[in-house]
Amino acid sequence: MSDLLTELVKLLKPRAVFANPIGGKGDWAVRFSTYGLPSFCIMLAGSCKLAVDGQEPITFGAGDFVLLPTTPAFTISSFCLAIAQVAERVGYASTSTFSTAFSRHVGRPPREFLRSARD
């Protein structure tokens, strides 16, 4: 007996229309328009954010498989946040206070750290 996912894929009768491997480093995003037919995404390595229009974004990591039954418009992107957003999320009232604390802990300011991570 096969598993539920295998049965679902058999019912959908997928066919190869195109394959589009995507690679990215640093800040990136790829936007797909509504396709209307079933499609899927497989994350081979790394991680990203998958944002289907009208839904909350999800984290998509290596080995994850997403089936889009009717393929609405969606975006796949990196996890870039502005330094001010990071500061706010970790509880700092100001970006400058966060930058000072970050520099003490990491040894360089957040902008410099981000630049080196993207290279």
Protein backbone atom coordinates (compact mmCIF):
# COMPACT_ATOMS: atom_id res chain seq x y z
CA MET A 1 0.00 0.00 0.00
CA SER A 2 1.32 3.46 -0.87
CA ASP A 3 1.21 6.57 1.27
CA LEU A 4 -1.34 9.39 1.05
CA LEU A 5 0.97 11.79 -0.80
CA THR A 6 1.69 9.20 -3.49
CA GLU A 7 -2.04 8.63 -3.98
CA LEU A 8 -2.67 12.38 -4.18
CA VAL A 9 0.05 12.87 -6.80
CA LYS A 10 -1.40 9.98 -8.84
CA LEU A 11 -4.86 11.61 -8.76
CA LEU A 12 -3.46 14.94 -9.95
CA LYS A 13 -1.74 13.27 -12.92
CA PRO A 14 1.14 15.76 -13.03
CA ARG A 15 3.13 16.24 -16.19
CA ALA A 16 6.40 18.00 -16.69
CA VAL A 17 5.78 21.42 -18.22
CA PHE A 18 9.02 23.03 -17.16
CA ALA A 19 11.64 22.84 -14.44
CA ASN A 20 13.18 26.01 -13.15
CA PRO A 21 16.02 25.57 -10.65
CA ILE A 22 16.63 28.80 -8.72
CA GLY A 23 19.77 29.73 -6.80
CA GLY A 24 20.26 32.83 -4.73
CA LYS A 25 22.64 34.55 -2.36
CA GLY A 26 22.13 37.75 -0.41
CA ASP A 27 18.81 39.58 -0.85
CA TRP A 28 16.71 38.00 -3.59
CA ALA A 29 13.13 37.28 -4.61
CA VAL A 30 11.39 35.45 -7.47
CA ARG A 31 7.74 36.16 -8.25
CA PHE A 32 5.48 33.65 -10.02
CA SER A 33 2.10 34.59 -11.49
CA THR A 34 -1.06 32.52 -11.23
CA TYR A 35 -0.71 29.33 -13.27
CA GLY A 36 -4.02 27.62 -12.50
CA LEU A 37 -2.74 24.06 -12.76
CA PRO A 38 -1.06 21.91 -10.10
CA SER A 39 2.64 22.51 -9.50
CA PHE A 40 5.18 21.88 -6.79
CA CYS A 41 8.35 23.24 -5.25
CA ILE A 42 11.18 21.21 -3.75
CA MET A 43 13.91 22.89 -1.72
CA LEU A 44 17.16 21.07 -2.49
CA ALA A 45 19.43 23.12 -0.19
CA GLY A 46 19.25 26.17 2.06
CA SER A 47 16.05 27.88 3.07
CA CYS A 48 13.76 30.68 1.99
CA LYS A 49 10.40 32.30 2.57
CA LEU A 50 7.43 31.07 0.53
CA ALA A 51 4.61 33.63 0.35
CA VAL A 52 1.45 32.52 -1.46
CA ASP A 53 -0.86 35.47 -2.15
CA GLY A 54 -3.50 35.76 0.56
CA GLN A 55 -1.70 33.40 2.97
CA GLU A 56 0.82 33.84 5.76
CA PRO A 57 4.42 33.28 4.54
CA ILE A 58 6.09 30.03 5.57
CA THR A 59 9.70 29.00 6.00
CA PHE A 60 10.71 26.53 3.33
CA GLY A 61 13.86 24.49 4.09
CA ALA A 62 16.09 21.84 2.55
CA GLY A 63 14.09 18.69 1.81
CA ASP A 64 10.70 20.42 2.03
CA PHE A 65 8.09 19.72 -0.63
CA VAL A 66 5.13 22.02 -1.31
CA LEU A 67 2.25 21.03 -3.59
CA LEU A 68 0.23 23.91 -5.04
CA PRO A 69 -3.00 22.35 -6.34
CA THR A 70 -4.00 25.32 -8.52
CA THR A 71 -0.81 27.39 -8.33
CA PRO A 72 -1.89 30.84 -7.21
CA ALA A 73 0.55 33.73 -7.52
CA PHE A 74 3.45 33.36 -5.06
CA THR A 75 6.87 34.70 -4.17
CA ILE A 76 9.97 32.86 -3.02
CA SER A 77 12.52 35.10 -1.30
CA SER A 78 15.40 35.44 1.13
CA PHE A 79 14.79 36.37 4.75
CA CYS A 80 16.06 39.93 4.60
CA LEU A 81 14.85 42.24 7.34
CA ALA A 82 15.91 45.82 7.89
CA ILE A 83 18.17 46.35 10.89
CA ALA A 84 15.41 48.43 12.52
CA GLN A 85 13.01 45.47 12.18
CA VAL A 86 15.54 43.11 13.78
CA ALA A 87 16.15 45.59 16.61
CA GLU A 88 12.42 45.88 17.29
CA ARG A 89 11.86 42.10 17.17
CA VAL A 90 14.57 41.44 19.75
CA GLY A 91 13.27 44.13 22.09
CA TYR A 92 15.38 47.25 21.45
CA ALA A 93 13.62 50.63 21.46
CA SER A 94 16.16 52.17 19.07
CA THR A 95 18.29 50.98 16.19
CA SER A 96 21.38 52.75 17.54
CA THR A 97 21.15 50.96 20.91
CA PHE A 98 20.78 47.63 19.11
CA SER A 99 23.73 48.42 16.79
CA THR A 100 25.95 49.25 19.79
CA ALA A 101 25.02 46.01 21.58
CA PHE A 102 25.43 43.99 18.37
CA SER A 103 28.88 45.51 17.75
CA ARG A 104 30.02 44.66 21.29
CA HIS A 105 28.83 41.07 20.95
CA VAL A 106 29.87 40.32 17.34
CA GLY A 107 32.82 42.67 16.96
CA ARG A 108 31.42 44.75 14.09
CA PRO A 109 28.27 46.74 13.31
CA PRO A 110 25.20 45.01 11.83
CA ARG A 111 25.55 46.62 8.38
CA GLU A 112 29.16 45.47 8.06
CA PHE A 113 28.20 41.99 9.27
CA LEU A 114 25.36 41.77 6.70
CA ARG A 115 27.61 42.94 3.85
CA SER A 116 30.19 40.26 4.64
CA ALA A 117 27.46 37.58 4.93
CA ARG A 118 26.15 38.46 1.46
CA ASP A 119 29.55 38.28 -0.25
